[in-house]
All heavy atoms as atom14 arrays in JSON, in Angstrom:
{
  "sequence": "VLDDDYKKAGFKMLPMAGGKNLKTAIQIMIYTLLLIPLG",
  "atom14_mask": [
    [1, 1, 1, 1, 1, 1, 1, 0, 0, 0, 0, 0, 0, 0],
    [1, 1, 1, 1, 1, 1, 1, 1, 0, 0, 0, 0, 0, 0],
    [1, 1, 1, 1, 1, 1, 1, 1, 0, 0, 0, 0, 0, 0],
    [1, 1, 1, 1, 1, 1, 1, 1, 0, 0, 0, 0, 0, 0],
    [1, 1, 1, 1, 1, 1, 1, 1, 0, 0, 0, 0, 0, 0],
    [1, 1, 1, 1, 1, 1, 1, 1, 1, 1, 1, 1, 0, 0],
    [1, 1, 1, 1, 1, 1, 1, 1, 1, 0, 0, 0, 0, 0],
    [1, 1, 1, 1, 1, 1, 1, 1, 1, 0, 0, 0, 0, 0],
    [1, 1, 1, 1, 1, 0, 0, 0, 0, 0, 0, 0, 0, 0],
    [1, 1, 1, 1, 0, 0, 0, 0, 0, 0, 0, 0, 0, 0],
    [1, 1, 1, 1, 1, 1, 1, 1, 1, 1, 1, 0, 0, 0],
    [1, 1, 1, 1, 1, 1, 1, 1, 1, 0, 0, 0, 0, 0],
    [1, 1, 1, 1, 1, 1, 1, 1, 0, 0, 0, 0, 0, 0],
    [1, 1, 1, 1, 1, 1, 1, 1, 0, 0, 0, 0, 0, 0],
    [1, 1, 1, 1, 1, 1, 1, 0, 0, 0, 0, 0, 0, 0],
    [1, 1, 1, 1, 1, 1, 1, 1, 0, 0, 0, 0, 0, 0],
    [1, 1, 1, 1, 1, 0, 0, 0, 0, 0, 0, 0, 0, 0],
    [1, 1, 1, 1, 0, 0, 0, 0, 0, 0, 0, 0, 0, 0],
    [1, 1, 1, 1, 0, 0, 0, 0, 0, 0, 0, 0, 0, 0],
    [1, 1, 1, 1, 1, 1, 1, 1, 1, 0, 0, 0, 0, 0],
    [1, 1, 1, 1, 1, 1, 1, 1, 0, 0, 0, 0, 0, 0],
    [1, 1, 1, 1, 1, 1, 1, 1, 0, 0, 0, 0, 0, 0],
    [1, 1, 1, 1, 1, 1, 1, 1, 1, 0, 0, 0, 0, 0],
    [1, 1, 1, 1, 1, 1, 1, 0, 0, 0, 0, 0, 0, 0],
    [1, 1, 1, 1, 1, 0, 0, 0, 0, 0, 0, 0, 0, 0],
    [1, 1, 1, 1, 1, 1, 1, 1, 0, 0, 0, 0, 0, 0],
    [1, 1, 1, 1, 1, 1, 1, 1, 1, 0, 0, 0, 0, 0],
    [1, 1, 1, 1, 1, 1, 1, 1, 0, 0, 0, 0, 0, 0],
    [1, 1, 1, 1, 1, 1, 1, 1, 0, 0, 0, 0, 0, 0],
    [1, 1, 1, 1, 1, 1, 1, 1, 0, 0, 0, 0, 0, 0],
    [1, 1, 1, 1, 1, 1, 1, 1, 1, 1, 1, 1, 0, 0],
    [1, 1, 1, 1, 1, 1, 1, 0, 0, 0, 0, 0, 0, 0],
    [1, 1, 1, 1, 1, 1, 1, 1, 0, 0, 0, 0, 0, 0],
    [1, 1, 1, 1, 1, 1, 1, 1, 0, 0, 0, 0, 0, 0],
    [1, 1, 1, 1, 1, 1, 1, 1, 0, 0, 0, 0, 0, 0],
    [1, 1, 1, 1, 1, 1, 1, 1, 0, 0, 0, 0, 0, 0],
    [1, 1, 1, 1, 1, 1, 1, 0, 0, 0, 0, 0, 0, 0],
    [1, 1, 1, 1, 1, 1, 1, 1, 0, 0, 0, 0, 0, 0],
    [1, 1, 1, 1, 0, 0, 0, 0, 0, 0, 0, 0, 0, 0]
  ],
  "atom14_positions": [
    [[51.47, 11.94, 18.6], [52.66, 12.57, 18.02], [52.88, 12.11, 16.58], [53.25, 12.91, 15.71], [53.9, 12.25, 18.88], [55.19, 12.72, 18.18], [53.78, 12.91, 20.26], [0.0, 0.0, 0.0], [0.0, 0.0, 0.0], [0.0, 0.0, 0.0], [0.0, 0.0, 0.0], [0.0, 0.0, 0.0], [0.0, 0.0, 0.0], [0.0, 0.0, 0.0]],
    [[52.63, 10.83, 16.32], [52.9, 10.26, 14.99], [51.65, 10.09, 14.15], [51.66, 9.34, 13.16], [53.6, 8.9, 15.16], [54.94, 8.91, 15.89], [55.45, 7.49, 16.07], [55.96, 9.74, 15.11], [0.0, 0.0, 0.0], [0.0, 0.0, 0.0], [0.0, 0.0, 0.0], [0.0, 0.0, 0.0], [0.0, 0.0, 0.0], [0.0, 0.0, 0.0]],
    [[50.6, 10.79, 14.49], [49.3, 10.59, 13.83], [49.37, 10.76, 12.32], [48.81, 9.95, 11.57], [48.27, 11.56, 14.42], [46.87, 11.31, 13.89], [46.4, 10.16, 13.99], [46.25, 12.25, 13.36], [0.0, 0.0, 0.0], [0.0, 0.0, 0.0], [0.0, 0.0, 0.0], [0.0, 0.0, 0.0], [0.0, 0.0, 0.0], [0.0, 0.0, 0.0]],
    [[50.04, 11.79, 11.85], [50.12, 12.03, 10.4], [50.81, 10.88, 9.69], [50.38, 10.46, 8.6], [50.86, 13.34, 10.12], [50.08, 14.56, 10.6], [48.85, 14.45, 10.74], [50.7, 15.61, 10.85], [0.0, 0.0, 0.0], [0.0, 0.0, 0.0], [0.0, 0.0, 0.0], [0.0, 0.0, 0.0], [0.0, 0.0, 0.0], [0.0, 0.0, 0.0]],
    [[51.87, 10.36, 10.29], [52.59, 9.23, 9.7], [51.73, 7.96, 9.72], [51.68, 7.21, 8.75], [53.9, 9.01, 10.45], [55.05, 8.63, 9.52], [54.95, 8.87, 8.3], [56.07, 8.12, 10.03], [0.0, 0.0, 0.0], [0.0, 0.0, 0.0], [0.0, 0.0, 0.0], [0.0, 0.0, 0.0], [0.0, 0.0, 0.0], [0.0, 0.0, 0.0]],
    [[51.06, 7.72, 10.85], [50.21, 6.54, 10.97], [49.07, 6.55, 9.95], [48.68, 5.5, 9.42], [49.63, 6.45, 12.39], [50.58, 5.9, 13.43], [50.36, 6.11, 14.79], [51.68, 5.14, 13.08], [51.21, 5.6, 15.75], [52.54, 4.62, 14.03], [52.3, 4.85, 15.37], [53.14, 4.33, 16.31], [0.0, 0.0, 0.0], [0.0, 0.0, 0.0]],
    [[48.53, 7.72, 9.68], [47.42, 7.81, 8.73], [47.83, 7.37, 7.33], [47.0, 6.86, 6.57], [46.89, 9.25, 8.69], [46.01, 9.61, 9.88], [45.54, 11.05, 9.81], [44.62, 11.39, 10.99], [44.23, 12.81, 10.99], [0.0, 0.0, 0.0], [0.0, 0.0, 0.0], [0.0, 0.0, 0.0], [0.0, 0.0, 0.0], [0.0, 0.0, 0.0]],
    [[49.1, 7.57, 6.97], [49.58, 7.16, 5.66], [49.45, 5.65, 5.47], [49.25, 5.16, 4.35], [51.05, 7.57, 5.48], [51.29, 9.06, 5.46], [52.79, 9.36, 5.41], [53.06, 10.86, 5.52], [54.52, 11.14, 5.57], [0.0, 0.0, 0.0], [0.0, 0.0, 0.0], [0.0, 0.0, 0.0], [0.0, 0.0, 0.0], [0.0, 0.0, 0.0]],
    [[49.58, 4.9, 6.57], [49.47, 3.44, 6.52], [48.08, 2.95, 6.92], [47.82, 1.75, 6.94], [50.51, 2.81, 7.43], [0.0, 0.0, 0.0], [0.0, 0.0, 0.0], [0.0, 0.0, 0.0], [0.0, 0.0, 0.0], [0.0, 0.0, 0.0], [0.0, 0.0, 0.0], [0.0, 0.0, 0.0], [0.0, 0.0, 0.0], [0.0, 0.0, 0.0]],
    [[47.19, 3.88, 7.25], [45.83, 3.5, 7.62], [45.69, 2.97, 9.03], [44.71, 2.29, 9.36], [0.0, 0.0, 0.0], [0.0, 0.0, 0.0], [0.0, 0.0, 0.0], [0.0, 0.0, 0.0], [0.0, 0.0, 0.0], [0.0, 0.0, 0.0], [0.0, 0.0, 0.0], [0.0, 0.0, 0.0], [0.0, 0.0, 0.0], [0.0, 0.0, 0.0]],
    [[46.66, 3.29, 9.91], [46.59, 2.81, 11.29], [45.57, 3.63, 12.09], [45.55, 4.85, 12.01], [47.96, 2.91, 11.96], [48.97, 1.94, 11.44], [50.33, 2.16, 11.62], [48.59, 0.8, 10.76], [51.28, 1.27, 11.14], [49.53, -0.1, 10.27], [50.87, 0.14, 10.46], [0.0, 0.0, 0.0], [0.0, 0.0, 0.0], [0.0, 0.0, 0.0]],
    [[44.76, 2.91, 12.86], [43.73, 3.54, 13.69], [44.08, 3.32, 15.15], [43.6, 2.38, 15.79], [42.36, 2.95, 13.35], [41.97, 3.15, 11.89], [40.67, 2.44, 11.54], [40.33, 2.63, 10.07], [39.09, 1.92, 9.69], [0.0, 0.0, 0.0], [0.0, 0.0, 0.0], [0.0, 0.0, 0.0], [0.0, 0.0, 0.0], [0.0, 0.0, 0.0]],
    [[44.9, 4.21, 15.69], [45.46, 4.0, 17.02], [44.78, 4.84, 18.1], [44.72, 4.44, 19.26], [46.96, 4.33, 17.0], [47.76, 3.57, 15.96], [47.93, 1.82, 16.34], [49.15, 1.9, 17.65], [0.0, 0.0, 0.0], [0.0, 0.0, 0.0], [0.0, 0.0, 0.0], [0.0, 0.0, 0.0], [0.0, 0.0, 0.0], [0.0, 0.0, 0.0]],
    [[44.32, 6.04, 17.75], [43.72, 6.92, 18.75], [42.3, 6.47, 19.07], [41.57, 6.01, 18.18], [43.75, 8.38, 18.27], [45.16, 8.99, 18.19], [45.12, 10.34, 17.5], [45.76, 9.12, 19.59], [0.0, 0.0, 0.0], [0.0, 0.0, 0.0], [0.0, 0.0, 0.0], [0.0, 0.0, 0.0], [0.0, 0.0, 0.0], [0.0, 0.0, 0.0]],
    [[41.85, 6.64, 20.32], [40.62, 6.0, 20.77], [39.32, 6.63, 20.29], [38.31, 5.95, 20.17], [40.71, 6.1, 22.3], [41.53, 7.32, 22.54], [42.54, 7.33, 21.42], [0.0, 0.0, 0.0], [0.0, 0.0, 0.0], [0.0, 0.0, 0.0], [0.0, 0.0, 0.0], [0.0, 0.0, 0.0], [0.0, 0.0, 0.0], [0.0, 0.0, 0.0]],
    [[39.33, 7.95, 20.04], [38.08, 8.65, 19.75], [38.04, 9.09, 18.29], [39.05, 9.35, 17.67], [37.93, 9.87, 20.65], [38.05, 9.56, 22.14], [36.89, 8.29, 22.74], [35.33, 9.14, 22.51], [0.0, 0.0, 0.0], [0.0, 0.0, 0.0], [0.0, 0.0, 0.0], [0.0, 0.0, 0.0], [0.0, 0.0, 0.0], [0.0, 0.0, 0.0]],
    [[36.83, 9.21, 17.75], [36.66, 9.71, 16.39], [37.22, 11.13, 16.3], [36.99, 11.95, 17.18], [35.18, 9.71, 16.02], [0.0, 0.0, 0.0], [0.0, 0.0, 0.0], [0.0, 0.0, 0.0], [0.0, 0.0, 0.0], [0.0, 0.0, 0.0], [0.0, 0.0, 0.0], [0.0, 0.0, 0.0], [0.0, 0.0, 0.0], [0.0, 0.0, 0.0]],
    [[37.94, 11.39, 15.25], [38.56, 12.71, 15.12], [39.97, 12.74, 15.63], [40.72, 13.66, 15.34], [0.0, 0.0, 0.0], [0.0, 0.0, 0.0], [0.0, 0.0, 0.0], [0.0, 0.0, 0.0], [0.0, 0.0, 0.0], [0.0, 0.0, 0.0], [0.0, 0.0, 0.0], [0.0, 0.0, 0.0], [0.0, 0.0, 0.0], [0.0, 0.0, 0.0]],
    [[40.35, 11.72, 16.43], [41.74, 11.58, 16.83], [42.22, 12.56, 17.86], [41.92, 12.43, 19.06], [0.0, 0.0, 0.0], [0.0, 0.0, 0.0], [0.0, 0.0, 0.0], [0.0, 0.0, 0.0], [0.0, 0.0, 0.0], [0.0, 0.0, 0.0], [0.0, 0.0, 0.0], [0.0, 0.0, 0.0], [0.0, 0.0, 0.0], [0.0, 0.0, 0.0]],
    [[42.93, 13.58, 17.43], [43.63, 14.49, 18.35], [42.67, 15.56, 18.86], [42.65, 16.69, 18.38], [44.83, 15.12, 17.64], [45.86, 14.1, 17.2], [47.06, 14.74, 16.52], [46.72, 15.26, 15.14], [47.92, 15.75, 14.43], [0.0, 0.0, 0.0], [0.0, 0.0, 0.0], [0.0, 0.0, 0.0], [0.0, 0.0, 0.0], [0.0, 0.0, 0.0]],
    [[41.88, 15.2, 19.85], [40.88, 16.13, 20.39], [40.74, 15.95, 21.91], [41.41, 15.12, 22.52], [39.52, 15.92, 19.7], [39.04, 14.48, 19.79], [39.3, 13.78, 20.77], [38.36, 14.01, 18.76], [0.0, 0.0, 0.0], [0.0, 0.0, 0.0], [0.0, 0.0, 0.0], [0.0, 0.0, 0.0], [0.0, 0.0, 0.0], [0.0, 0.0, 0.0]],
    [[39.86, 16.74, 22.5], [39.68, 16.73, 23.95], [39.2, 15.37, 24.46], [39.61, 14.92, 25.53], [38.69, 17.83, 24.36], [38.37, 17.93, 25.86], [39.64, 18.18, 26.67], [37.33, 19.02, 26.11], [0.0, 0.0, 0.0], [0.0, 0.0, 0.0], [0.0, 0.0, 0.0], [0.0, 0.0, 0.0], [0.0, 0.0, 0.0], [0.0, 0.0, 0.0]],
    [[38.34, 14.69, 23.69], [37.83, 13.39, 24.12], [38.97, 12.38, 24.26], [39.01, 11.6, 25.22], [36.79, 12.88, 23.13], [35.47, 13.66, 23.16], [34.46, 13.08, 22.18], [33.15, 13.84, 22.23], [32.17, 13.3, 21.26], [0.0, 0.0, 0.0], [0.0, 0.0, 0.0], [0.0, 0.0, 0.0], [0.0, 0.0, 0.0], [0.0, 0.0, 0.0]],
    [[39.9, 12.4, 23.32], [41.06, 11.52, 23.42], [41.92, 11.9, 24.61], [42.41, 11.04, 25.35], [41.89, 11.59, 22.12], [41.13, 10.99, 21.07], [43.21, 10.84, 22.26], [0.0, 0.0, 0.0], [0.0, 0.0, 0.0], [0.0, 0.0, 0.0], [0.0, 0.0, 0.0], [0.0, 0.0, 0.0], [0.0, 0.0, 0.0], [0.0, 0.0, 0.0]],
    [[42.12, 13.2, 24.81], [42.92, 13.69, 25.94], [42.31, 13.24, 27.27], [43.03, 12.89, 28.21], [43.04, 15.2, 25.89], [0.0, 0.0, 0.0], [0.0, 0.0, 0.0], [0.0, 0.0, 0.0], [0.0, 0.0, 0.0], [0.0, 0.0, 0.0], [0.0, 0.0, 0.0], [0.0, 0.0, 0.0], [0.0, 0.0, 0.0], [0.0, 0.0, 0.0]],
    [[40.99, 13.25, 27.36], [40.31, 12.82, 28.59], [40.53, 11.32, 28.82], [40.75, 10.88, 29.95], [38.8, 13.15, 28.53], [38.6, 14.67, 28.6], [38.04, 12.47, 29.66], [37.17, 15.12, 28.37], [0.0, 0.0, 0.0], [0.0, 0.0, 0.0], [0.0, 0.0, 0.0], [0.0, 0.0, 0.0], [0.0, 0.0, 0.0], [0.0, 0.0, 0.0]],
    [[40.46, 10.54, 27.73], [40.75, 9.1, 27.85], [42.16, 8.87, 28.4], [42.36, 8.03, 29.28], [40.62, 8.45, 26.47], [39.2, 8.35, 25.95], [38.46, 7.17, 26.54], [39.01, 6.09, 26.72], [37.2, 7.38, 26.88], [0.0, 0.0, 0.0], [0.0, 0.0, 0.0], [0.0, 0.0, 0.0], [0.0, 0.0, 0.0], [0.0, 0.0, 0.0]],
    [[43.12, 9.61, 27.88], [44.5, 9.5, 28.36], [44.59, 9.85, 29.84], [45.26, 9.18, 30.62], [45.43, 10.4, 27.51], [45.53, 9.86, 26.08], [46.82, 10.49, 28.14], [46.28, 10.76, 25.13], [0.0, 0.0, 0.0], [0.0, 0.0, 0.0], [0.0, 0.0, 0.0], [0.0, 0.0, 0.0], [0.0, 0.0, 0.0], [0.0, 0.0, 0.0]],
    [[43.88, 10.9, 30.24], [43.9, 11.33, 31.64], [43.31, 10.25, 32.56], [43.85, 9.96, 33.63], [43.1, 12.63, 31.79], [43.08, 13.19, 33.2], [41.76, 12.49, 34.28], [40.29, 13.12, 33.46], [0.0, 0.0, 0.0], [0.0, 0.0, 0.0], [0.0, 0.0, 0.0], [0.0, 0.0, 0.0], [0.0, 0.0, 0.0], [0.0, 0.0, 0.0]],
    [[42.21, 9.63, 32.14], [41.53, 8.64, 32.98], [42.45, 7.44, 33.26], [42.59, 6.99, 34.41], [40.22, 8.17, 32.31], [39.19, 9.31, 32.33], [39.67, 6.93, 33.02], [37.94, 9.02, 31.52], [0.0, 0.0, 0.0], [0.0, 0.0, 0.0], [0.0, 0.0, 0.0], [0.0, 0.0, 0.0], [0.0, 0.0, 0.0], [0.0, 0.0, 0.0]],
    [[43.1, 6.94, 32.23], [43.97, 5.78, 32.42], [45.21, 6.15, 33.23], [45.71, 5.34, 34.02], [44.38, 5.2, 31.06], [43.31, 4.33, 30.45], [42.35, 4.86, 29.6], [43.23, 2.97, 30.76], [41.35, 4.07, 29.05], [42.24, 2.17, 30.22], [41.3, 2.72, 29.37], [40.31, 1.93, 28.84], [0.0, 0.0, 0.0], [0.0, 0.0, 0.0]],
    [[45.7, 7.37, 33.06], [46.84, 7.82, 33.87], [46.44, 7.94, 35.33], [47.21, 7.59, 36.24], [47.37, 9.17, 33.35], [47.64, 9.06, 31.95], [48.65, 9.57, 34.06], [0.0, 0.0, 0.0], [0.0, 0.0, 0.0], [0.0, 0.0, 0.0], [0.0, 0.0, 0.0], [0.0, 0.0, 0.0], [0.0, 0.0, 0.0], [0.0, 0.0, 0.0]],
    [[45.23, 8.42, 35.59], [44.72, 8.54, 36.95], [44.66, 7.17, 37.64], [44.96, 7.06, 38.84], [43.32, 9.17, 36.91], [42.59, 9.34, 38.25], [43.36, 10.27, 39.18], [41.17, 9.86, 38.02], [0.0, 0.0, 0.0], [0.0, 0.0, 0.0], [0.0, 0.0, 0.0], [0.0, 0.0, 0.0], [0.0, 0.0, 0.0], [0.0, 0.0, 0.0]],
    [[44.31, 6.14, 36.9], [44.21, 4.8, 37.47], [45.55, 4.27, 37.98], [45.58, 3.41, 38.86], [43.65, 3.82, 36.43], [42.18, 4.0, 36.04], [41.82, 3.07, 34.89], [41.27, 3.76, 37.23], [0.0, 0.0, 0.0], [0.0, 0.0, 0.0], [0.0, 0.0, 0.0], [0.0, 0.0, 0.0], [0.0, 0.0, 0.0], [0.0, 0.0, 0.0]],
    [[46.63, 4.8, 37.44], [47.95, 4.34, 37.87], [48.25, 4.7, 39.33], [49.04, 4.02, 39.99], [49.04, 4.95, 36.98], [49.15, 4.39, 35.56], [50.13, 5.2, 34.72], [49.56, 2.91, 35.59], [0.0, 0.0, 0.0], [0.0, 0.0, 0.0], [0.0, 0.0, 0.0], [0.0, 0.0, 0.0], [0.0, 0.0, 0.0], [0.0, 0.0, 0.0]],
    [[47.61, 5.75, 39.84], [47.89, 6.18, 41.21], [47.44, 5.13, 42.24], [48.25, 4.68, 43.05], [47.28, 7.57, 41.5], [47.93, 8.61, 40.57], [47.47, 7.96, 42.97], [47.32, 10.0, 40.65], [0.0, 0.0, 0.0], [0.0, 0.0, 0.0], [0.0, 0.0, 0.0], [0.0, 0.0, 0.0], [0.0, 0.0, 0.0], [0.0, 0.0, 0.0]],
    [[46.17, 4.7, 42.22], [45.81, 3.63, 43.18], [46.5, 2.31, 42.89], [46.83, 1.56, 43.81], [44.28, 3.51, 43.02], [43.97, 4.12, 41.69], [44.98, 5.2, 41.49], [0.0, 0.0, 0.0], [0.0, 0.0, 0.0], [0.0, 0.0, 0.0], [0.0, 0.0, 0.0], [0.0, 0.0, 0.0], [0.0, 0.0, 0.0], [0.0, 0.0, 0.0]],
    [[46.74, 2.01, 41.62], [47.43, 0.77, 41.29], [48.84, 0.74, 41.87], [49.33, -0.31, 42.29], [47.51, 0.59, 39.77], [46.23, 0.12, 39.07], [46.4, 0.18, 37.55], [45.87, -1.29, 39.49], [0.0, 0.0, 0.0], [0.0, 0.0, 0.0], [0.0, 0.0, 0.0], [0.0, 0.0, 0.0], [0.0, 0.0, 0.0], [0.0, 0.0, 0.0]],
    [[49.49, 1.9, 41.92], [50.84, 1.99, 42.47], [50.92, 1.69, 43.95], [52.01, 1.44, 44.49], [0.0, 0.0, 0.0], [0.0, 0.0, 0.0], [0.0, 0.0, 0.0], [0.0, 0.0, 0.0], [0.0, 0.0, 0.0], [0.0, 0.0, 0.0], [0.0, 0.0, 0.0], [0.0, 0.0, 0.0], [0.0, 0.0, 0.0], [0.0, 0.0, 0.0]]
  ]
}
């Protein structure tokens, strides 16, 4: 959500090259999926 603002300060927060893409979305999905058995 804050990617444009973060880039102004040089922050590298998103996990995949290119940032806001399907690969990052898949990473988010995988970690969210792990919450189900952990719960």
